[in-house]
Amino acid sequence: MKTDVLHAVRLARLDLTLVARNTTVMFNVLLLPLLMAWMFTQTQGGTDIAGVSGELFVLTGVPGLMLGFAVFINLVNSFTARREELVLKRLRGGQPSGPAVLGGAALGALALFLGQVVLLAIWMHRTDGVLPANVPLLLVAAALGVALFGLLAAAFSGITPNAELAQITVLPVILVMMIGAPVAYPADALPGPLGVVSNLLPVTPVVEIMRTGFLGADHISGSGEALSMAGQWVAALPSLGILVAWIAVAALLARWLFRWEPRHG
């Protein structure tokens, strides 16, 4: 167990080094979500949503988009390319176990995601003077969100023929997340079927929990009521349960679809 953890940490450090050396990946994974956050905030100037400014509401929802880029797209590309180059096969045949290989990728993605969340927190503090109200809740939501989208990435890499087609494979998921995730509006405020879809998306509980943790108010039921630290955890329990259920589904999909060796035929 200890050896697997050490291997996962080493692989995560290697992943982060490779990302830092690739300017295209750095832009897509780190900067593009922040650029999209700025674009979303420009549509909410002067409005209040659920008791907070529109800009602040959007910024606290942007982690949902970041999961799509820093975790999902990044890992689908990484898993697919490494599978086709036989890297995954060699890693699995060496000292790291399968869980250590996947865990190392997830740890690297978690580090990237947390780095983006820190940048968001600085942005919010400079524009609205807001500091995160419940850091432990943010960390739990971040870890569960990365685990979920890491497993989904592993599953989607299994149905992606090669690295060149990875961008096409992930496109439907990213479009649904951009349109349906409650980034600029609460899920219940979206019209008709779109609101139903938004509530069913795996990214929605992550966004709602992180928004509650950032602002210290109930943005899960949508009331915006200020909550104590304990009250925030209680309010987040149903969404945490939904996340755990989604993780179980994603784990089954990953076990069924993920491939260690190149696809044939």
Protein backbone atom coordinates (compact mmCIF):
# COMPACT_ATOMS: atom_id res chain seq x y z
CA MET A 1 0.00 0.00 0.00
CA LYS A 2 2.76 2.44 0.99
CA THR A 3 4.70 1.58 -2.16
CA ASP A 4 1.65 2.26 -4.34
CA VAL A 5 1.20 5.64 -2.70
CA LEU A 6 4.83 6.56 -3.34
CA HIS A 7 4.55 5.46 -6.97
CA ALA A 8 1.36 7.51 -7.37
CA VAL A 9 3.08 10.61 -5.97
CA ARG A 10 6.06 10.14 -8.30
CA LEU A 11 3.79 9.72 -11.30
CA ALA A 12 1.81 12.81 -10.30
CA ARG A 13 5.01 14.87 -10.13
CA LEU A 14 5.99 13.58 -13.57
CA ASP A 15 2.57 14.51 -14.97
CA LEU A 16 2.82 18.03 -13.57
CA THR A 17 6.31 18.42 -15.05
CA LEU A 18 5.06 17.35 -18.48
CA VAL A 19 2.11 19.75 -18.28
CA ALA A 20 4.42 22.63 -17.33
CA ARG A 21 6.60 21.92 -20.38
CA ASN A 22 3.68 21.86 -22.85
CA THR A 23 2.39 25.38 -23.51
CA THR A 24 -0.69 24.13 -25.38
CA VAL A 25 -1.74 21.90 -22.49
CA MET A 26 -1.00 24.69 -20.00
CA PHE A 27 -3.29 27.03 -21.91
CA ASN A 28 -6.12 24.50 -22.34
CA VAL A 29 -5.95 23.15 -18.80
CA LEU A 30 -5.05 26.18 -16.71
CA LEU A 31 -5.76 29.42 -18.58
CA LEU A 32 -8.75 28.60 -20.81
CA PRO A 33 -11.15 27.96 -17.88
CA LEU A 34 -10.08 31.27 -16.29
CA LEU A 35 -10.67 33.06 -19.60
CA MET A 36 -14.12 31.49 -19.80
CA ALA A 37 -14.74 32.59 -16.20
CA TRP A 38 -14.01 36.18 -17.19
CA MET A 39 -16.37 35.89 -20.18
CA PHE A 40 -19.16 34.52 -17.97
CA THR A 41 -18.71 37.36 -15.47
CA GLN A 42 -19.18 39.94 -18.22
CA THR A 43 -22.75 38.71 -18.73
CA GLN A 44 -23.67 39.20 -15.05
CA GLY A 45 -22.59 42.77 -14.40
CA GLY A 46 -24.82 44.65 -11.96
CA THR A 47 -27.13 41.71 -11.21
CA ASP A 48 -27.68 39.85 -7.93
CA ILE A 49 -28.26 36.09 -7.82
CA ALA A 50 -29.30 34.23 -4.66
CA GLY A 51 -28.21 37.13 -2.48
CA VAL A 52 -24.74 37.70 -3.98
CA SER A 53 -23.41 39.69 -6.91
CA GLY A 54 -23.69 38.04 -10.30
CA GLU A 55 -19.91 38.11 -10.76
CA LEU A 56 -19.29 36.39 -7.44
CA PHE A 57 -21.98 33.80 -8.16
CA VAL A 58 -20.32 32.97 -11.49
CA LEU A 59 -16.81 32.75 -10.03
CA THR A 60 -17.93 30.30 -7.36
CA GLY A 61 -19.47 28.12 -10.09
CA VAL A 62 -16.44 28.13 -12.38
CA PRO A 63 -14.82 25.12 -10.62
CA GLY A 64 -17.40 23.05 -12.51
CA LEU A 65 -15.89 24.18 -15.81
CA MET A 66 -12.40 23.64 -14.45
CA LEU A 67 -13.21 20.00 -13.74
CA GLY A 68 -14.11 19.64 -17.39
CA PHE A 69 -10.82 21.05 -18.65
CA ALA A 70 -8.18 20.42 -15.97
CA VAL A 71 -9.40 16.92 -15.15
CA PHE A 72 -11.71 15.38 -17.76
CA ILE A 73 -10.20 16.61 -21.06
CA ASN A 74 -6.67 16.48 -19.69
CA LEU A 75 -6.95 12.88 -18.49
CA VAL A 76 -8.85 11.56 -21.52
CA ASN A 77 -6.04 12.91 -23.73
CA SER A 78 -3.36 11.59 -21.38
CA PHE A 79 -4.80 8.10 -20.93
CA THR A 80 -5.50 7.68 -24.65
CA ALA A 81 -2.09 8.91 -25.82
CA ARG A 82 -0.22 6.80 -23.28
CA ARG A 83 -2.26 3.73 -24.12
CA GLU A 84 -1.52 4.07 -27.85
CA GLU A 85 2.19 4.64 -27.13
CA LEU A 86 2.24 1.50 -24.91
CA VAL A 87 3.22 3.61 -21.88
CA LEU A 88 0.29 2.32 -19.82
CA LYS A 89 1.15 -1.27 -20.71
CA ARG A 90 4.78 -0.79 -19.65
CA LEU A 91 3.77 0.96 -16.43
CA ARG A 92 1.31 -1.77 -15.53
CA GLY A 93 3.95 -4.42 -16.25
CA GLY A 94 6.46 -2.67 -13.97
CA GLN A 95 6.44 -1.82 -10.29
CA PRO A 96 3.40 0.51 -10.07
CA SER A 97 0.09 -1.31 -9.74
CA GLY A 98 -2.91 -0.35 -11.87
CA PRO A 99 -4.50 1.72 -9.07
CA ALA A 100 -1.16 3.50 -8.51
CA VAL A 101 -0.95 4.47 -12.19
CA LEU A 102 -4.51 5.83 -12.23
CA GLY A 103 -4.06 7.38 -8.79
CA GLY A 104 -0.94 9.22 -9.92
CA ALA A 105 -2.84 10.75 -12.83
CA ALA A 106 -5.66 11.76 -10.49
CA LEU A 107 -3.24 13.31 -7.98
CA GLY A 108 -1.66 15.42 -10.72
CA ALA A 109 -5.10 16.55 -11.90
CA LEU A 110 -6.10 17.35 -8.31
CA ALA A 111 -3.02 19.55 -7.90
CA LEU A 112 -3.90 21.45 -11.08
CA PHE A 113 -7.50 21.83 -10.02
CA LEU A 114 -6.61 23.08 -6.54
CA GLY A 115 -4.18 25.56 -8.09
CA GLN A 116 -7.02 26.96 -10.18
CA VAL A 117 -9.29 27.15 -7.13
CA VAL A 118 -6.61 29.15 -5.31
CA LEU A 119 -6.41 31.56 -8.26
CA LEU A 120 -10.19 31.91 -8.14
CA ALA A 121 -10.09 32.61 -4.41
CA ILE A 122 -7.51 35.37 -4.99
CA TRP A 123 -9.65 36.79 -7.80
CA MET A 124 -12.75 36.85 -5.57
CA HIS A 125 -10.86 38.43 -2.70
CA ARG A 126 -9.48 41.20 -4.91
CA THR A 127 -12.83 42.00 -6.53
CA ASP A 128 -15.31 41.41 -3.67
CA GLY A 129 -13.17 41.07 -0.55
CA VAL A 130 -14.48 37.52 -0.07
CA LEU A 131 -12.43 34.72 1.48
CA PRO A 132 -13.48 31.03 1.44
CA ALA A 133 -15.82 30.37 4.37
CA ASN A 134 -15.25 26.61 4.69
CA VAL A 135 -11.92 25.37 3.31
CA PRO A 136 -12.35 21.73 4.49
CA LEU A 137 -15.67 21.49 2.63
CA LEU A 138 -14.01 22.93 -0.49
CA LEU A 139 -11.22 20.35 -0.27
CA VAL A 140 -13.66 17.45 0.15
CA ALA A 141 -15.72 18.63 -2.84
CA ALA A 142 -12.56 19.09 -4.91
CA ALA A 143 -11.24 15.61 -4.09
CA LEU A 144 -14.58 13.93 -4.83
CA GLY A 145 -15.02 15.95 -8.03
CA VAL A 146 -11.55 15.01 -9.29
CA ALA A 147 -12.14 11.36 -8.40
CA LEU A 148 -15.44 11.37 -10.29
CA PHE A 149 -14.18 13.06 -13.44
CA GLY A 150 -10.93 11.12 -13.34
CA LEU A 151 -12.90 7.87 -13.44
CA LEU A 152 -15.15 9.23 -16.20
CA ALA A 153 -12.01 10.20 -18.13
CA ALA A 154 -10.68 6.66 -17.77
CA ALA A 155 -13.98 5.29 -19.11
CA PHE A 156 -14.11 7.72 -22.04
CA SER A 157 -10.49 7.01 -22.96
CA GLY A 158 -11.52 3.38 -23.44
CA ILE A 159 -13.99 4.33 -26.18
CA THR A 160 -11.59 6.80 -27.82
CA PRO A 161 -9.75 5.13 -30.72
CA ASN A 162 -6.67 7.37 -30.64
CA ALA A 163 -5.33 10.64 -29.27
CA GLU A 164 -6.31 12.58 -32.41
CA LEU A 165 -9.99 11.78 -31.82
CA ALA A 166 -9.92 12.54 -28.10
CA GLN A 167 -11.11 16.12 -28.64
CA ILE A 168 -14.17 14.81 -30.48
CA THR A 169 -14.94 12.22 -27.82
CA VAL A 170 -14.95 14.77 -24.99
CA LEU A 171 -16.80 17.50 -26.91
CA PRO A 172 -20.40 16.39 -26.09
CA VAL A 173 -19.58 16.16 -22.38
CA ILE A 174 -17.97 19.60 -22.30
CA LEU A 175 -20.85 21.20 -24.21
CA VAL A 176 -23.40 19.72 -21.81
CA MET A 177 -21.36 20.94 -18.84
CA MET A 178 -21.03 24.45 -20.28
CA ILE A 179 -24.75 24.73 -21.01
CA GLY A 180 -26.27 22.77 -18.14
CA ALA A 181 -23.93 23.25 -15.19
CA PRO A 182 -25.22 25.89 -12.72
CA VAL A 183 -22.32 28.27 -13.31
CA ALA A 184 -24.13 31.50 -14.19
CA TYR A 185 -27.57 30.59 -12.78
CA PRO A 186 -28.91 28.21 -10.10
CA ALA A 187 -30.01 24.87 -11.52
CA ASP A 188 -33.61 25.48 -10.45
CA ALA A 189 -33.68 28.79 -12.33
CA LEU A 190 -32.96 27.16 -15.68
CA PRO A 191 -36.07 26.69 -17.85
CA GLY A 192 -37.96 23.41 -18.20
CA PRO A 193 -35.95 20.39 -19.37
CA LEU A 194 -32.68 22.29 -19.04
CA GLY A 195 -33.26 22.62 -15.30
CA VAL A 196 -33.97 18.88 -15.03
CA VAL A 197 -30.79 18.06 -16.97
CA SER A 198 -28.77 20.45 -14.83
CA ASN A 199 -29.92 18.77 -11.61
CA LEU A 200 -28.95 15.37 -13.00
CA LEU A 201 -25.44 16.33 -14.13
CA PRO A 202 -22.59 14.90 -12.01
CA VAL A 203 -20.92 18.31 -11.98
CA THR A 204 -23.90 20.06 -10.34
CA PRO A 205 -23.37 18.78 -6.76
CA VAL A 206 -19.69 19.75 -6.98
CA VAL A 207 -20.59 23.30 -8.03
CA GLU A 208 -23.27 23.67 -5.36
CA ILE A 209 -21.05 22.31 -2.57
CA MET A 210 -18.10 24.49 -3.56
CA ARG A 211 -20.31 27.58 -3.87
CA THR A 212 -21.65 26.89 -0.37
CA GLY A 213 -18.10 26.40 0.93
CA PHE A 214 -16.88 29.61 -0.70
CA LEU A 215 -19.73 31.84 0.44
CA GLY A 216 -20.82 30.20 3.70
CA ALA A 217 -24.45 30.21 2.57
CA ASP A 218 -26.93 27.59 1.37
CA HIS A 219 -26.50 27.39 -2.39
CA ILE A 220 -27.65 23.78 -2.53
CA SER A 221 -31.32 24.39 -1.87
CA GLY A 222 -30.92 27.76 -3.60
CA SER A 223 -32.08 29.87 -0.65
CA GLY A 224 -28.77 31.68 -0.20
CA GLU A 225 -29.33 31.68 3.58
CA ALA A 226 -26.19 32.22 5.67
CA LEU A 227 -25.10 29.06 7.48
CA SER A 228 -22.74 28.18 10.29
CA MET A 229 -19.77 25.91 9.57
CA ALA A 230 -21.72 22.89 10.83
CA GLY A 231 -24.82 24.01 8.93
CA GLN A 232 -22.85 24.07 5.69
CA TRP A 233 -21.82 20.43 6.17
CA VAL A 234 -25.39 19.42 6.97
CA ALA A 235 -26.71 21.23 3.89
CA ALA A 236 -24.04 19.55 1.76
CA LEU A 237 -24.79 15.99 2.91
CA PRO A 238 -27.38 15.16 0.19
CA SER A 239 -25.06 16.48 -2.54
CA LEU A 240 -22.12 14.57 -1.06
CA GLY A 241 -24.25 11.44 -1.18
CA ILE A 242 -25.09 12.09 -4.83
CA LEU A 243 -21.39 12.56 -5.58
CA VAL A 244 -20.47 9.26 -3.92
CA ALA A 245 -23.20 7.51 -5.95
CA TRP A 246 -21.86 9.05 -9.17
CA ILE A 247 -18.34 7.93 -8.24
CA ALA A 248 -19.59 4.35 -7.82
CA VAL A 249 -21.23 4.49 -11.28
CA ALA A 250 -18.10 6.04 -12.83
CA ALA A 251 -15.90 3.37 -11.23
CA LEU A 252 -18.02 0.64 -12.79
CA LEU A 253 -17.83 2.35 -16.20
CA ALA A 254 -14.05 2.77 -15.89
CA ARG A 255 -13.59 -0.88 -14.93
CA TRP A 256 -15.70 -1.94 -17.90
CA LEU A 257 -14.34 0.41 -20.57
CA PHE A 258 -10.78 1.40 -19.62
CA ARG A 259 -8.04 -0.24 -21.70
CA TRP A 260 -4.38 -0.69 -20.83
CA GLU A 261 -3.36 -1.69 -24.35
CA PRO A 262 -4.05 -0.16 -27.78
CA ARG A 263 -7.39 -0.84 -29.40
CA HIS A 264 -7.34 -3.27 -32.31
CA GLY A 265 -9.78 -3.20 -35.21
